[in-house]
Amino acid sequence: MKKLYLMRHGETLFNVQHKIQGWCDSPLTENGKQQALKAKEYFKKNGIVFDHAYCSSSERTSDTLELITDLPYTRLKGLKENYYGVLEGESDIINRHLTPKDCETFYLQYGGESSNTTKDRMLTTLTEIMEKEDHETVLAVSHAGACYNFMRAVTDPSDELKKGFGNCCIFVYEYDQHRFIFKEIIRQK
């Protein structure tokens, strides 16, 4: 059975400043780098060895991935975060009140994309990755919203959403007979 380890990037400057960060980017903080190294230790301790690695085209994901593995990797736009239009870089107080259902249309009025677009993009991209013959144990570093929306395509994320998706949390999926099976989320303590 194939395994996908889908992971959120480490903490960034915009995370600390509570700014909306979709397609715009900010660097990892020192804490974010330490989170990535803790994830690396988790994989090592549990004997998890990747045969392929991917990340979004955002620098915060490639920086996170490079702290976890020396494996060559591929950057894919399909793994990017939701696009928030003109709200990119603004205070996240703007969207703190939104429900997951609201996110399906809220950002459209600001030139952003629907969370359904992100969900479909992530599902297509990760399916293409996992359908490759030699991809048995894959690491893909992405973003909180993108990971959540992918999870929505696979299973009901309600219970997990209540626990939050902190930086460098790891979503574990099995891939069998052309479908994903959600197994667990590993959250840093």
C-alpha atoms as a PDB file:
ATOM      1  CA  MET A   1       0.000   0.000   0.000  1.00  0.00           C
ATOM      2  CA  LYS A   2       1.337   3.437  -0.981  1.00  0.00           C
ATOM      3  CA  LYS A   3       1.679   6.178   1.647  1.00  0.00           C
ATOM      4  CA  LEU A   4       1.419   9.943   1.309  1.00  0.00           C
ATOM      5  CA  TYR A   5       2.764  12.212   4.012  1.00  0.00           C
ATOM      6  CA  LEU A   6       1.206  15.599   3.301  1.00  0.00           C
ATOM      7  CA  MET A   7       2.677  18.267   5.508  1.00  0.00           C
ATOM      8  CA  ARG A   8       2.131  21.919   6.303  1.00  0.00           C
ATOM      9  CA  HIS A   9       5.187  24.187   6.109  1.00  0.00           C
ATOM     10  CA  GLY A  10       6.948  25.558   9.181  1.00  0.00           C
ATOM     11  CA  GLU A  11       5.977  28.783  10.911  1.00  0.00           C
ATOM     12  CA  THR A  12       6.586  31.923   8.853  1.00  0.00           C
ATOM     13  CA  LEU A  13       6.946  35.624   9.569  1.00  0.00           C
ATOM     14  CA  PHE A  14       3.391  36.225   8.269  1.00  0.00           C
ATOM     15  CA  ASN A  15       2.063  33.473  10.555  1.00  0.00           C
ATOM     16  CA  VAL A  16       3.571  35.322  13.528  1.00  0.00           C
ATOM     17  CA  GLN A  17       2.245  38.673  12.259  1.00  0.00           C
ATOM     18  CA  HIS A  18      -1.227  37.183  11.648  1.00  0.00           C
ATOM     19  CA  LYS A  19      -1.261  38.087   7.961  1.00  0.00           C
ATOM     20  CA  ILE A  20      -3.149  36.313   5.207  1.00  0.00           C
ATOM     21  CA  GLN A  21      -0.613  34.261   3.283  1.00  0.00           C
ATOM     22  CA  GLY A  22      -1.786  32.449   0.214  1.00  0.00           C
ATOM     23  CA  TRP A  23       0.263  32.893  -2.923  1.00  0.00           C
ATOM     24  CA  CYS A  24       2.377  35.633  -1.355  1.00  0.00           C
ATOM     25  CA  ASP A  25       5.297  34.377   0.679  1.00  0.00           C
ATOM     26  CA  SER A  26       7.297  35.128   3.790  1.00  0.00           C
ATOM     27  CA  PRO A  27      10.351  33.389   5.262  1.00  0.00           C
ATOM     28  CA  LEU A  28      10.400  30.684   7.884  1.00  0.00           C
ATOM     29  CA  THR A  29      11.036  31.921  11.409  1.00  0.00           C
ATOM     30  CA  GLU A  30      13.658  30.256  13.586  1.00  0.00           C
ATOM     31  CA  ASN A  31      10.770  28.446  15.271  1.00  0.00           C
ATOM     32  CA  GLY A  32       9.559  27.315  11.838  1.00  0.00           C
ATOM     33  CA  LYS A  33      12.984  25.856  11.090  1.00  0.00           C
ATOM     34  CA  GLN A  34      12.952  24.020  14.424  1.00  0.00           C
ATOM     35  CA  GLN A  35       9.481  22.642  13.641  1.00  0.00           C
ATOM     36  CA  ALA A  36      10.804  21.241  10.353  1.00  0.00           C
ATOM     37  CA  LEU A  37      13.737  19.635  12.155  1.00  0.00           C
ATOM     38  CA  LYS A  38      11.307  18.064  14.666  1.00  0.00           C
ATOM     39  CA  ALA A  39       9.346  16.625  11.752  1.00  0.00           C
ATOM     40  CA  LYS A  40      12.594  15.282  10.288  1.00  0.00           C
ATOM     41  CA  GLU A  41      13.302  13.609  13.636  1.00  0.00           C
ATOM     42  CA  TYR A  42       9.800  12.102  13.690  1.00  0.00           C
ATOM     43  CA  PHE A  43      10.323  10.523  10.258  1.00  0.00           C
ATOM     44  CA  LYS A  44      13.785   9.246  11.226  1.00  0.00           C
ATOM     45  CA  LYS A  45      12.611   7.828  14.572  1.00  0.00           C
ATOM     46  CA  ASN A  46       9.763   5.980  12.846  1.00  0.00           C
ATOM     47  CA  GLY A  47      11.912   4.609  10.014  1.00  0.00           C
ATOM     48  CA  ILE A  48       9.999   6.514   7.334  1.00  0.00           C
ATOM     49  CA  VAL A  49      12.104   6.826   4.191  1.00  0.00           C
ATOM     50  CA  PHE A  50      10.746   8.735   1.227  1.00  0.00           C
ATOM     51  CA  ASP A  51      11.258   7.678  -2.356  1.00  0.00           C
ATOM     52  CA  HIS A  52       9.973  11.007  -3.737  1.00  0.00           C
ATOM     53  CA  ALA A  53       9.415  14.520  -2.411  1.00  0.00           C
ATOM     54  CA  TYR A  54       7.287  17.412  -3.650  1.00  0.00           C
ATOM     55  CA  CYS A  55       6.331  20.872  -2.452  1.00  0.00           C
ATOM     56  CA  SER A  56       4.369  23.852  -3.656  1.00  0.00           C
ATOM     57  CA  SER A  57       6.173  26.555  -5.578  1.00  0.00           C
ATOM     58  CA  SER A  58       6.214  28.776  -2.467  1.00  0.00           C
ATOM     59  CA  GLU A  59       9.590  29.275  -0.827  1.00  0.00           C
ATOM     60  CA  ARG A  60       8.270  28.483   2.657  1.00  0.00           C
ATOM     61  CA  THR A  61       7.451  24.940   1.549  1.00  0.00           C
ATOM     62  CA  SER A  62      10.742  24.293  -0.238  1.00  0.00           C
ATOM     63  CA  ASP A  63      12.676  25.663   2.754  1.00  0.00           C
ATOM     64  CA  THR A  64      10.718  23.334   5.046  1.00  0.00           C
ATOM     65  CA  LEU A  65      11.265  20.336   2.776  1.00  0.00           C
ATOM     66  CA  GLU A  66      15.021  21.003   2.500  1.00  0.00           C
ATOM     67  CA  LEU A  67      15.311  20.864   6.301  1.00  0.00           C
ATOM     68  CA  ILE A  68      13.580  17.472   6.355  1.00  0.00           C
ATOM     69  CA  THR A  69      15.314  15.596   3.553  1.00  0.00           C
ATOM     70  CA  ASP A  70      18.249  15.794   1.153  1.00  0.00           C
ATOM     71  CA  LEU A  71      16.175  14.002  -1.469  1.00  0.00           C
ATOM     72  CA  PRO A  72      15.825  15.819  -4.795  1.00  0.00           C
ATOM     73  CA  TYR A  73      12.323  17.266  -5.049  1.00  0.00           C
ATOM     74  CA  THR A  74       9.853  18.787  -7.474  1.00  0.00           C
ATOM     75  CA  ARG A  75       8.027  22.065  -6.947  1.00  0.00           C
ATOM     76  CA  LEU A  76       4.429  22.033  -8.190  1.00  0.00           C
ATOM     77  CA  LYS A  77       1.986  24.923  -8.505  1.00  0.00           C
ATOM     78  CA  GLY A  78      -0.816  22.420  -7.912  1.00  0.00           C
ATOM     79  CA  LEU A  79       0.248  22.190  -4.247  1.00  0.00           C
ATOM     80  CA  LYS A  80      -0.038  25.948  -3.635  1.00  0.00           C
ATOM     81  CA  GLU A  81      -2.204  27.523  -0.988  1.00  0.00           C
ATOM     82  CA  ASN A  82      -5.601  29.010  -1.755  1.00  0.00           C
ATOM     83  CA  TYR A  83      -5.280  32.371  -3.545  1.00  0.00           C
ATOM     84  CA  TYR A  84      -6.815  35.246  -1.565  1.00  0.00           C
ATOM     85  CA  GLY A  85      -6.680  37.989  -4.207  1.00  0.00           C
ATOM     86  CA  VAL A  86      -6.210  41.549  -2.918  1.00  0.00           C
ATOM     87  CA  LEU A  87      -6.444  40.249   0.672  1.00  0.00           C
ATOM     88  CA  GLU A  88      -2.970  38.673   0.338  1.00  0.00           C
ATOM     89  CA  GLY A  89      -0.697  40.138   3.025  1.00  0.00           C
ATOM     90  CA  GLU A  90      -3.579  41.799   4.912  1.00  0.00           C
ATOM     91  CA  SER A  91      -4.401  41.132   8.563  1.00  0.00           C
ATOM     92  CA  ASP A  92      -6.068  37.774   9.093  1.00  0.00           C
ATOM     93  CA  ILE A  93      -8.683  39.489  11.267  1.00  0.00           C
ATOM     94  CA  ILE A  94     -10.549  39.863   7.954  1.00  0.00           C
ATOM     95  CA  ASN A  95     -11.183  36.133   7.692  1.00  0.00           C
ATOM     96  CA  ARG A  96     -11.192  34.881  11.290  1.00  0.00           C
ATOM     97  CA  HIS A  97     -14.999  34.785  11.373  1.00  0.00           C
ATOM     98  CA  LEU A  98     -15.349  32.690   8.214  1.00  0.00           C
ATOM     99  CA  THR A  99     -16.670  29.147   8.267  1.00  0.00           C
ATOM    100  CA  PRO A 100     -15.345  26.529   5.835  1.00  0.00           C
ATOM    101  CA  LYS A 101     -18.588  26.927   3.867  1.00  0.00           C
ATOM    102  CA  ASP A 102     -18.017  30.713   3.624  1.00  0.00           C
ATOM    103  CA  CYS A 103     -14.585  30.093   2.054  1.00  0.00           C
ATOM    104  CA  GLU A 104     -16.188  28.468  -0.962  1.00  0.00           C
ATOM    105  CA  THR A 105     -17.187  31.927  -2.262  1.00  0.00           C
ATOM    106  CA  PHE A 106     -15.882  34.669   0.081  1.00  0.00           C
ATOM    107  CA  TYR A 107     -12.531  35.294  -1.643  1.00  0.00           C
ATOM    108  CA  LEU A 108     -14.019  35.428  -5.139  1.00  0.00           C
ATOM    109  CA  GLN A 109     -15.190  39.007  -4.574  1.00  0.00           C
ATOM    110  CA  TYR A 110     -11.570  39.990  -3.876  1.00  0.00           C
ATOM    111  CA  GLY A 111     -10.155  38.317  -6.973  1.00  0.00           C
ATOM    112  CA  GLY A 112      -9.204  35.183  -5.061  1.00  0.00           C
ATOM    113  CA  GLU A 113     -10.213  31.592  -5.602  1.00  0.00           C
ATOM    114  CA  SER A 114     -12.852  29.324  -4.142  1.00  0.00           C
ATOM    115  CA  SER A 115     -11.779  26.720  -1.608  1.00  0.00           C
ATOM    116  CA  ASN A 116     -13.429  24.228  -3.979  1.00  0.00           C
ATOM    117  CA  THR A 117     -10.911  25.209  -6.673  1.00  0.00           C
ATOM    118  CA  THR A 118      -8.080  24.554  -4.215  1.00  0.00           C
ATOM    119  CA  LYS A 119      -9.659  21.220  -3.213  1.00  0.00           C
ATOM    120  CA  ASP A 120      -9.928  20.083  -6.836  1.00  0.00           C
ATOM    121  CA  ARG A 121      -6.399  21.281  -7.666  1.00  0.00           C
ATOM    122  CA  MET A 122      -4.909  19.431  -4.694  1.00  0.00           C
ATOM    123  CA  LEU A 123      -6.850  16.238  -5.428  1.00  0.00           C
ATOM    124  CA  THR A 124      -5.765  16.251  -9.079  1.00  0.00           C
ATOM    125  CA  THR A 125      -2.119  17.002  -8.269  1.00  0.00           C
ATOM    126  CA  LEU A 126      -1.764  14.457  -5.459  1.00  0.00           C
ATOM    127  CA  THR A 127      -3.566  11.764  -7.457  1.00  0.00           C
ATOM    128  CA  GLU A 128      -1.181  12.315 -10.378  1.00  0.00           C
ATOM    129  CA  ILE A 129       1.762  11.998  -7.991  1.00  0.00           C
ATOM    130  CA  MET A 130       0.536   8.834  -6.309  1.00  0.00           C
ATOM    131  CA  GLU A 131      -0.427   7.164  -9.605  1.00  0.00           C
ATOM    132  CA  LYS A 132       3.250   7.081 -10.616  1.00  0.00           C
ATOM    133  CA  GLU A 133       4.614   3.552 -10.480  1.00  0.00           C
ATOM    134  CA  ASP A 134       7.689   4.119  -8.356  1.00  0.00           C
ATOM    135  CA  HIS A 135       5.968   6.361  -5.777  1.00  0.00           C
ATOM    136  CA  GLU A 136       5.477   4.215  -2.672  1.00  0.00           C
ATOM    137  CA  THR A 137       6.303   6.610   0.179  1.00  0.00           C
ATOM    138  CA  VAL A 138       5.897  10.258  -0.753  1.00  0.00           C
ATOM    139  CA  LEU A 139       6.430  13.509   1.141  1.00  0.00           C
ATOM    140  CA  ALA A 140       4.519  16.561  -0.104  1.00  0.00           C
ATOM    141  CA  VAL A 141       4.883  19.900   1.705  1.00  0.00           C
ATOM    142  CA  SER A 142       2.002  22.303   1.236  1.00  0.00           C
ATOM    143  CA  HIS A 143      -0.140  24.731   3.251  1.00  0.00           C
ATOM    144  CA  ALA A 144      -2.837  24.620   5.948  1.00  0.00           C
ATOM    145  CA  GLY A 145      -5.730  25.642   3.716  1.00  0.00           C
ATOM    146  CA  ALA A 146      -4.592  23.440   0.850  1.00  0.00           C
ATOM    147  CA  CYS A 147      -4.139  20.447   3.185  1.00  0.00           C
ATOM    148  CA  TYR A 148      -7.549  21.058   4.746  1.00  0.00           C
ATOM    149  CA  ASN A 149      -9.234  21.319   1.363  1.00  0.00           C
ATOM    150  CA  PHE A 150      -7.553  18.130   0.161  1.00  0.00           C
ATOM    151  CA  MET A 151      -8.753  16.377   3.312  1.00  0.00           C
ATOM    152  CA  ARG A 152     -12.266  17.614   2.501  1.00  0.00           C
ATOM    153  CA  ALA A 153     -12.053  15.736  -0.810  1.00  0.00           C
ATOM    154  CA  VAL A 154     -11.192  12.497   1.013  1.00  0.00           C
ATOM    155  CA  THR A 155     -13.122  12.522   4.290  1.00  0.00           C
ATOM    156  CA  ASP A 156     -15.165  14.713   6.628  1.00  0.00           C
ATOM    157  CA  PRO A 157     -12.553  16.983   8.270  1.00  0.00           C
ATOM    158  CA  SER A 158     -14.851  18.424  10.965  1.00  0.00           C
ATOM    159  CA  ASP A 159     -13.340  16.648  13.970  1.00  0.00           C
ATOM    160  CA  GLU A 160      -9.757  17.271  12.864  1.00  0.00           C
ATOM    161  CA  LEU A 161     -10.470  20.938  12.075  1.00  0.00           C
ATOM    162  CA  LYS A 162     -11.497  21.467  15.719  1.00  0.00           C
ATOM    163  CA  LYS A 163      -7.987  20.362  16.766  1.00  0.00           C
ATOM    164  CA  GLY A 164      -6.323  22.770  14.306  1.00  0.00           C
ATOM    165  CA  PHE A 165      -3.632  22.311  11.687  1.00  0.00           C
ATOM    166  CA  GLY A 166      -0.480  23.743  13.245  1.00  0.00           C
ATOM    167  CA  ASN A 167       2.726  24.369  11.386  1.00  0.00           C
ATOM    168  CA  CYS A 168       4.516  21.181  10.310  1.00  0.00           C
ATOM    169  CA  CYS A 169       1.574  18.943  11.130  1.00  0.00           C
ATOM    170  CA  ILE A 170       1.651  15.780   9.022  1.00  0.00           C
ATOM    171  CA  PHE A 171      -1.440  14.362   7.330  1.00  0.00           C
ATOM    172  CA  VAL A 172      -0.991  10.636   6.700  1.00  0.00           C
ATOM    173  CA  TYR A 173      -2.883   8.955   3.852  1.00  0.00           C
ATOM    174  CA  GLU A 174      -2.770   5.540   2.273  1.00  0.00           C
ATOM    175  CA  TYR A 175      -3.318   5.324  -1.459  1.00  0.00           C
ATOM    176  CA  ASP A 176      -4.873   2.149  -2.825  1.00  0.00           C
ATOM    177  CA  GLN A 177      -6.914   1.319  -5.919  1.00  0.00           C
ATOM    178  CA  HIS A 178      -6.947   4.945  -7.096  1.00  0.00           C
ATOM    179  CA  ARG A 179      -8.235   6.434  -3.871  1.00  0.00           C
ATOM    180  CA  PHE A 180      -6.898   8.084  -0.736  1.00  0.00           C
ATOM    181  CA  ILE A 181      -7.659   6.793   2.741  1.00  0.00           C
ATOM    182  CA  PHE A 182      -7.097   9.217   5.612  1.00  0.00           C
ATOM    183  CA  LYS A 183      -5.199   7.588   8.493  1.00  0.00           C
ATOM    184  CA  GLU A 184      -4.140  10.270  10.984  1.00  0.00           C
ATOM    185  CA  ILE A 185      -2.626  13.691  11.640  1.00  0.00           C
ATOM    186  CA  ILE A 186       0.627  13.920  13.525  1.00  0.00           C
ATOM    187  CA  ARG A 187       0.746  17.232  15.402  1.00  0.00           C
ATOM    188  CA  GLN A 188       3.841  18.643  17.035  1.00  0.00           C
ATOM    189  CA  LYS A 189       3.774  19.021  20.791  1.00  0.00           C
END
